Protein backbone atom coordinates (compact mmCIF):
# COMPACT_ATOMS: atom_id res chain seq x y z
CA UNK A 1 27.58 -16.77 -12.77
CA UNK A 2 24.61 -16.31 -15.08
CA UNK A 3 24.96 -13.93 -18.03
CA UNK A 4 21.83 -12.02 -17.00
CA UNK A 5 23.06 -11.46 -13.48
CA UNK A 6 22.13 -12.45 -9.96
CA UNK A 7 18.68 -11.52 -8.65
CA UNK A 8 17.21 -11.67 -5.14
CA UNK A 9 13.49 -12.47 -5.37
CA UNK A 10 11.08 -11.62 -2.55
CA UNK A 11 8.98 -14.77 -2.09
CA UNK A 12 5.87 -14.62 0.10
CA UNK A 13 4.84 -18.19 -0.66
CA UNK A 14 2.00 -17.01 -2.88
CA UNK A 15 1.45 -17.72 -6.55
CA UNK A 16 2.68 -14.36 -7.88
CA UNK A 17 6.11 -14.26 -6.26
CA UNK A 18 6.63 -17.99 -6.86
CA UNK A 19 5.99 -17.63 -10.59
CA UNK A 20 8.17 -14.48 -10.69
CA UNK A 21 11.11 -16.44 -9.24
CA UNK A 22 10.73 -19.36 -11.64
CA UNK A 23 10.25 -17.02 -14.63
CA UNK A 24 13.54 -15.29 -13.86
CA UNK A 25 15.27 -18.64 -13.42
CA UNK A 26 13.94 -19.78 -16.80
CA UNK A 27 15.09 -16.49 -18.39
CA UNK A 28 18.66 -17.21 -17.32
CA UNK A 29 19.11 -15.23 -14.14
CA UNK A 30 20.88 -16.68 -11.12
CA UNK A 31 18.02 -16.62 -8.61
CA UNK A 32 18.10 -16.46 -4.83
CA UNK A 33 14.75 -16.55 -3.03
CA UNK A 34 14.14 -14.65 0.20
CA UNK A 35 11.12 -14.72 2.51
CA UNK A 36 10.88 -11.91 5.04
CA UNK A 37 9.29 -12.55 8.42
CA UNK A 38 7.75 -9.20 9.22
CA UNK A 39 5.57 -9.86 12.27
CA UNK A 40 4.28 -12.53 14.64
CA UNK A 41 0.86 -14.15 14.66
CA UNK A 42 1.29 -14.70 18.38
CA UNK A 43 1.36 -10.94 19.03
CA UNK A 44 -1.00 -9.73 16.28
CA UNK A 45 -4.18 -10.95 17.96
CA UNK A 46 -7.50 -11.63 16.31
CA UNK A 47 -6.32 -14.70 14.45
CA UNK A 48 -7.74 -17.52 16.57
CA UNK A 49 -4.49 -19.42 16.22
CA UNK A 50 -4.91 -19.87 12.47
CA UNK A 51 -1.85 -18.81 10.51
CA UNK A 52 -2.49 -17.66 6.98
CA UNK A 53 -0.82 -15.18 4.65
CA UNK A 54 2.74 -14.11 4.01
CA UNK A 55 4.34 -14.73 7.41
CA UNK A 56 2.92 -18.13 8.25
CA UNK A 57 5.05 -21.24 8.50
CA UNK A 58 3.02 -22.74 5.66
CA UNK A 59 3.84 -19.82 3.36
CA UNK A 60 7.54 -19.99 4.18
CA UNK A 61 7.53 -23.72 3.46
CA UNK A 62 5.70 -23.16 0.17
CA UNK A 63 8.34 -20.64 -0.92
CA UNK A 64 11.15 -23.02 0.06
CA UNK A 65 9.47 -25.89 -1.79
CA UNK A 66 9.42 -23.84 -5.02
CA UNK A 67 13.10 -22.98 -4.60
CA UNK A 68 14.03 -26.60 -3.95
CA UNK A 69 12.06 -27.78 -6.98
CA UNK A 70 13.89 -25.37 -9.29
CA UNK A 71 17.29 -25.70 -7.65
CA UNK A 72 17.96 -22.22 -6.29
CA UNK A 73 18.83 -21.03 -2.80
CA UNK A 74 16.19 -19.75 -0.41
CA UNK A 75 16.60 -17.80 2.82
CA UNK A 76 14.24 -16.62 5.55
CA UNK A 77 15.18 -13.33 7.18
CA UNK A 78 13.76 -11.80 10.33
CA UNK A 79 12.85 -8.14 9.85
CA UNK A 80 10.22 -7.95 12.60
CA UNK A 81 11.96 -5.10 14.35
CA UNK A 82 12.35 -3.02 11.17
CA UNK A 83 8.76 -3.72 10.14
CA UNK A 84 7.28 -3.03 13.57
CA UNK A 85 9.08 0.27 14.03
CA UNK A 86 8.10 1.63 10.66
CA UNK A 87 4.85 0.07 9.58
CA UNK A 88 2.90 -0.99 12.65
CA UNK A 89 3.87 2.01 14.78
CA UNK A 90 3.05 4.42 11.95
CA UNK A 91 -0.24 2.59 11.32
CA UNK A 92 -1.28 3.17 14.93
CA UNK A 93 0.06 6.75 14.98
CA UNK A 94 -1.92 7.69 11.87
CA UNK A 95 -5.22 6.51 13.32
CA UNK A 96 -4.41 8.30 16.56
CA UNK A 97 -3.85 11.47 14.51
CA UNK A 98 -7.29 11.15 12.92
CA UNK A 99 -5.99 9.93 9.55
CA UNK A 100 -6.50 6.66 7.64
CA UNK A 101 -3.15 5.01 6.85
CA UNK A 102 -2.04 2.84 3.94
CA UNK A 103 0.40 0.34 5.45
CA UNK A 104 1.18 -1.45 2.16
CA UNK A 105 2.77 1.70 0.71
CA UNK A 106 4.71 2.28 3.93
CA UNK A 107 5.96 -1.29 3.85
CA UNK A 108 7.09 -1.05 0.22
CA UNK A 109 8.79 2.30 0.68
CA UNK A 110 10.54 1.88 4.00
CA UNK A 111 10.79 -1.84 4.62
CA UNK A 112 10.60 -4.23 1.68
CA UNK A 113 12.88 -2.41 -0.72
CA UNK A 114 15.41 -1.26 1.86
CA UNK A 115 15.50 -4.69 3.50
CA UNK A 116 15.81 -6.40 0.12
CA UNK A 117 18.58 -4.09 -1.08
CA UNK A 118 20.54 -4.59 2.12
CA UNK A 119 20.40 -8.39 1.71
CA UNK A 120 21.00 -8.17 -2.05
CA UNK A 121 24.21 -6.23 -1.44
CA UNK A 122 25.32 -8.76 1.19
CA UNK A 123 24.71 -11.62 -1.24
CA UNK A 124 26.33 -9.91 -4.23
CA UNK A 125 23.07 -9.62 -6.20
CA UNK A 126 22.74 -7.25 -9.14
CA UNK A 127 18.95 -6.93 -8.89
CA UNK A 128 15.92 -7.52 -6.70
CA UNK A 129 12.54 -8.70 -7.98
CA UNK A 130 9.01 -8.97 -6.63
CA UNK A 131 5.70 -10.39 -7.81
CA UNK A 132 3.99 -7.01 -8.14
CA UNK A 133 1.83 -6.31 -11.18
CA UNK A 134 3.69 -3.24 -12.41
CA UNK A 135 6.44 -2.29 -14.85
CA UNK A 136 9.67 -0.31 -14.58
CA UNK A 137 11.87 1.13 -17.34
CA UNK A 138 14.63 3.68 -17.77
CA UNK A 139 13.77 6.86 -19.65
CA UNK A 140 15.68 10.15 -19.84
CA UNK A 141 17.95 9.06 -17.02
CA UNK A 142 15.08 8.24 -14.64
CA UNK A 143 13.48 4.96 -13.66
CA UNK A 144 9.74 5.06 -14.30
CA UNK A 145 7.07 2.85 -12.74
CA UNK A 146 4.02 2.20 -14.89
CA UNK A 147 0.79 0.28 -14.60
CA UNK A 148 0.78 -3.48 -15.07
CA UNK A 149 -1.00 -4.97 -18.07
CA UNK A 150 -3.77 -6.43 -15.90
CA UNK A 151 -5.64 -3.33 -14.76
CA UNK A 152 -7.64 -5.40 -12.26
CA UNK A 153 -4.40 -6.38 -10.50
CA UNK A 154 -2.24 -3.30 -11.15
CA UNK A 155 -0.15 -2.42 -8.07
CA UNK A 156 1.67 0.69 -9.29
CA UNK A 157 -0.30 2.81 -6.79
CA UNK A 158 1.45 1.04 -3.90
CA UNK A 159 4.93 1.55 -5.39
CA UNK A 160 5.12 5.33 -5.84
CA UNK A 161 7.42 5.72 -2.82
CA UNK A 162 10.25 3.47 -4.06
CA UNK A 163 13.39 5.56 -4.61
CA UNK A 164 15.16 6.02 -7.93
CA UNK A 165 18.23 4.29 -6.51
CA UNK A 166 16.19 1.21 -5.63
CA UNK A 167 14.12 1.24 -8.82
CA UNK A 168 17.34 1.15 -10.88
CA UNK A 169 17.94 -2.39 -9.61
CA UNK A 170 14.32 -3.62 -9.54
CA UNK A 171 12.65 -6.14 -11.82
CA UNK A 172 8.88 -6.77 -12.09
CA UNK A 173 8.58 -9.99 -14.13
CA UNK A 174 4.75 -10.08 -13.96
CA UNK A 175 4.07 -6.60 -15.32
CA UNK A 176 3.24 -7.77 -18.83
CA UNK A 177 0.87 -10.57 -17.82
CA UNK A 178 -2.66 -11.05 -16.49
CA UNK A 179 -3.44 -12.88 -13.25
CA UNK A 180 -5.09 -15.65 -15.28
CA UNK A 181 -1.89 -16.14 -17.26
CA UNK A 182 0.19 -16.24 -14.08
CA UNK A 183 -2.02 -18.94 -12.56
CA UNK A 184 -1.69 -20.94 -15.79
CA UNK A 185 2.10 -20.52 -15.66
CA UNK A 186 2.07 -21.86 -12.09
CA UNK A 187 0.39 -25.02 -13.40
CA UNK A 188 2.79 -25.18 -16.34
CA UNK A 189 5.75 -24.90 -13.94
CA UNK A 190 4.21 -27.67 -11.74
CA UNK A 191 3.87 -25.29 -8.80
CA UNK A 192 0.79 -27.07 -7.56
CA UNK A 193 1.39 -26.08 -3.94
CA UNK A 194 0.75 -22.40 -4.80
CA UNK A 195 -1.09 -22.38 -8.15
CA UNK A 196 -4.59 -22.08 -6.69
CA UNK A 197 -3.83 -20.07 -3.56
CA UNK A 198 -6.32 -17.28 -2.95
CA UNK A 199 -5.16 -13.68 -3.02
CA UNK A 200 -4.90 -11.97 0.34
CA UNK A 201 -6.61 -8.60 0.69
CA UNK A 202 -6.48 -7.91 4.42
CA UNK A 203 -3.70 -5.96 6.12
CA UNK A 204 -1.11 -8.67 6.75
CA UNK A 205 -0.61 -7.87 10.44
CA UNK A 206 -4.37 -7.54 11.09
CA UNK A 207 -5.45 -11.05 10.05
CA UNK A 208 -9.06 -10.63 11.22
CA UNK A 209 -9.29 -7.36 9.25
CA UNK A 210 -10.53 -5.56 12.40
CA UNK A 211 -8.30 -2.51 12.77
CA UNK A 212 -10.36 -1.25 15.72
CA UNK A 213 -9.58 -4.41 17.69
CA UNK A 214 -5.93 -4.06 16.70
CA UNK A 215 -5.78 -0.45 17.96
CA UNK A 216 -7.36 -1.44 21.27
CA UNK A 217 -4.75 -4.18 21.69
CA UNK A 218 -1.86 -1.84 20.85
CA UNK A 219 -2.85 1.31 22.79
CA UNK A 220 -3.35 0.69 26.48
CA UNK A 221 -6.64 2.06 27.80
CA UNK A 222 -7.63 3.45 24.40
CA UNK A 223 -11.36 2.88 24.77
CA UNK A 224 -11.48 4.69 28.10
CA UNK A 225 -9.37 7.59 26.76
CA UNK A 226 -11.52 8.35 23.73
CA UNK A 227 -15.03 7.20 24.70
CA UNK A 228 -17.79 9.80 24.83
CA UNK A 229 -16.74 11.99 21.92
CA UNK A 230 -19.33 14.08 20.10
CA UNK A 231 -20.87 13.87 16.65
CA UNK A 232 -21.69 17.31 15.24
CA UNK A 233 -23.19 18.55 11.99
CA UNK A 234 -21.51 21.10 9.70
CA UNK A 235 -22.96 23.93 11.80
CA UNK A 236 -21.45 22.54 15.01
CA UNK A 237 -24.74 21.29 16.45
CA UNK A 238 -24.31 18.16 18.61
CA UNK A 239 -26.22 15.24 17.07
CA UNK A 240 -24.92 12.32 19.15
CA UNK A 241 -22.06 10.62 20.97
CA UNK A 242 -19.45 8.20 19.60
CA UNK A 243 -16.98 5.62 20.88
CA UNK A 244 -13.81 7.56 20.03
CA UNK A 245 -12.40 9.26 16.94
CA UNK A 246 -9.76 6.55 16.07
CA UNK A 247 -12.56 4.08 15.37
CA UNK A 248 -14.04 6.07 12.47
CA UNK A 249 -12.85 6.94 8.97
CA UNK A 250 -13.71 9.63 6.44
CA UNK A 251 -16.67 8.55 4.31
CA UNK A 252 -17.94 6.00 6.84
CA UNK A 253 -21.71 5.55 6.89
CA UNK A 254 -22.29 2.23 8.67
CA UNK A 255 -22.09 1.96 12.44
CA UNK A 256 -22.75 5.62 13.26
CA UNK A 257 -26.15 4.85 14.88
CA UNK A 258 -27.44 8.38 14.49
CA UNK A 259 -31.26 8.78 14.31
CA UNK A 260 -31.20 11.63 11.80
CA UNK A 261 -33.85 10.29 9.45
CA UNK A 262 -31.42 10.12 6.50
CA UNK A 263 -28.04 8.56 5.70
CA UNK A 264 -25.11 10.58 7.04
CA UNK A 265 -21.36 10.15 6.60
CA UNK A 266 -18.20 11.05 8.49
CA UNK A 267 -16.91 14.22 6.80
CA UNK A 268 -14.22 15.36 9.27
CA UNK A 269 -12.30 13.98 12.25
CA UNK A 270 -10.76 16.25 14.89
CA UNK A 271 -8.37 14.22 17.10
CA UNK A 272 -7.64 17.19 19.40
CA UNK A 273 -11.27 17.59 20.48
CA UNK A 274 -12.52 14.03 19.80
CA UNK A 275 -15.25 15.60 17.66
CA UNK A 276 -16.47 13.96 14.45
CA UNK A 277 -18.41 15.96 11.90
CA UNK A 278 -21.12 14.16 9.93
CA UNK A 279 -23.06 15.30 6.91
CA UNK A 280 -24.80 14.29 3.72
CA UNK A 281 -22.96 12.52 0.94
CA UNK A 282 -22.36 15.66 -1.12
CA UNK A 283 -20.40 17.13 1.80
CA UNK A 284 -17.70 14.54 1.05
CA UNK A 285 -17.06 16.08 -2.37
CA UNK A 286 -13.76 17.99 -2.73
CA UNK A 287 -11.84 19.41 -5.67
CA UNK A 288 -8.37 20.09 -4.23
CA UNK A 289 -5.92 18.08 -2.22
CA UNK A 290 -2.35 18.65 -1.13
CA UNK A 291 0.20 15.87 -0.62
CA UNK A 292 3.48 15.97 1.31
CA UNK A 293 6.40 13.58 1.88
CA UNK A 294 6.41 13.25 -1.89
CA UNK A 295 8.50 11.08 -4.18
CA UNK A 296 9.15 12.20 -7.75
CA UNK A 297 9.25 9.28 -10.18
CA UNK A 298 9.00 10.14 -13.88
CA UNK A 299 10.25 13.73 -13.57
CA UNK A 300 12.68 15.32 -11.15
CA UNK A 301 10.22 18.17 -10.65
CA UNK A 302 6.98 19.50 -12.13
CA UNK A 303 7.96 22.67 -13.94
CA UNK A 304 4.67 23.61 -15.59
CA UNK A 305 1.73 24.97 -13.66
CA UNK A 306 -1.30 22.71 -13.72
CA UNK A 307 0.13 19.71 -15.57
CA UNK A 308 -2.74 17.49 -16.86
CA UNK A 309 -2.67 14.17 -14.99
CA UNK A 310 -4.84 11.30 -13.79
CA UNK A 311 -4.95 11.40 -9.99
CA UNK A 312 -5.64 8.30 -7.87
CA UNK A 313 -6.60 8.91 -4.24
CA UNK A 314 -6.84 5.35 -2.89
CA UNK A 315 -5.90 1.79 -3.80
CA UNK A 316 -8.08 0.37 -6.61
CA UNK A 317 -9.07 3.90 -7.65
CA UNK A 318 -9.08 4.17 -11.45
CA UNK A 319 -8.15 7.82 -11.01
CA UNK A 320 -9.73 10.96 -12.43
CA UNK A 321 -8.51 13.87 -14.57
CA UNK A 322 -6.89 16.74 -12.74
CA UNK A 323 -4.19 19.39 -12.89
CA UNK A 324 -1.00 18.93 -10.87
CA UNK A 325 1.20 21.70 -9.50
CA UNK A 326 4.36 21.32 -7.44
CA UNK A 327 3.71 23.86 -4.72
CA UNK A 328 6.95 23.27 -2.77
CA UNK A 329 10.06 21.12 -2.60
CA UNK A 330 8.02 18.57 -0.68
CA UNK A 331 4.45 19.40 -1.71
CA UNK A 332 2.13 18.62 -4.59
CA UNK A 333 -1.36 20.07 -5.12
CA UNK A 334 -3.94 18.67 -7.50
CA UNK A 335 -7.09 20.35 -8.75
CA UNK A 336 -9.51 17.74 -10.00
CA UNK A 337 -11.64 18.58 -13.03
CA UNK A 338 -14.65 17.26 -11.12
CA UNK A 339 -15.00 16.94 -7.35
CA UNK A 340 -13.84 13.60 -5.92
CA UNK A 341 -15.65 11.63 -3.24
CA UNK A 342 -14.14 11.12 0.23
CA UNK A 343 -10.54 12.22 -0.36
CA UNK A 344 -8.93 11.00 2.85
CA UNK A 345 -5.89 12.39 4.74
CA UNK A 346 -3.38 9.59 5.33
CA UNK A 347 -4.02 7.91 1.99
CA UNK A 348 -1.70 8.45 -0.96
CA UNK A 349 -2.19 10.72 -3.95
CA UNK A 350 -0.58 9.07 -6.98
CA UNK A 351 -0.50 10.98 -10.27
CA UNK A 352 -0.20 9.35 -13.68
CA UNK A 353 0.70 10.44 -17.19
CA UNK A 354 -0.97 7.80 -19.33
CA UNK A 355 0.19 4.63 -17.52
CA UNK A 356 3.34 6.15 -15.97
CA UNK A 357 3.60 7.21 -12.33
CA UNK A 358 4.68 10.86 -12.29
CA UNK A 359 4.85 11.25 -8.52
CA UNK A 360 3.09 10.44 -5.29
CA UNK A 361 2.73 11.69 -1.74
CA UNK A 362 0.68 11.42 1.42
CA UNK A 363 -2.59 13.36 1.37
CA UNK A 364 -2.22 16.13 3.93
CA UNK A 365 -5.03 18.62 3.29
CA UNK A 366 -8.36 18.43 1.45
CA UNK A 367 -10.59 21.31 0.37
CA UNK A 368 -13.37 22.28 -1.98
CA UNK A 369 -11.55 25.44 -3.01
CA UNK A 370 -7.85 26.30 -3.09
């Protein structure tokens, strides 16, 4: 057995996870690669028979090819049932509740890490590793996630929900590198089958990136159930009809088809009444938001009132200064120094101290005033 220990590496068949696996092998770890089949192209719809991304046969073969080249074991595991129950069902449920979900965070929190740890334990692995651009370290008895070096690729926002127990055995080999350096490493390692692969930005189980089509496929008779809802202004005046509240998101401007003589945006969604409120852009500005189903990362709890933080409210958000208060065992409230645009229920609030993730949670309530 290697002196550095045995590590199970999640391999999607892309450049990042492939380089992560080879890096760890070169550093002296005993590496086992694992590719997780999370869903089926045949049931996802909208893909025109073209398989791309992390669950395609091509991607699985690419991952296996890397493992074979560098002489370590590689397994494919079927976690479609686990993934479907947690991620896809919750994705649909959130839209049906008038919120806008973030399936990547759900997948990391409830599926990837738990599934990886289960297999790591079965295989006698000390650690798991992924190709995320983030860092993890131990400090004051806690395991702290922090931003990756490459701010354009940083994925710490999507990792706030990983438990302390799982973080204690997690390695992020790419955290100290830029994407450009990782692509160069892929060439240096002769990983020509993955070195120039494009990054994937769509939701993996919605390959055509059309969530509305996906919802229609998943919820029987959805269009008929929700058609004919009303658009209203902030005073409650009816200004038009829409195709159903699940097909709209907070901040949306395009596709409203409202002849109001000026640009208007979705400012509120009421799933109970199928009523969508629209307004001018400034009506999307809010100062406060509350998050629930929280996970504390850097600190066990926030003891001071209004702790200065940087709060991110969506993926690829640089964040903005605010003041964080823990308002319950499972609730965080942030007051932003300046109003933020289109804070959206269903997305995650992730709070940082410098580059460290303090805590995160699902945005539950948004307001201009506390």
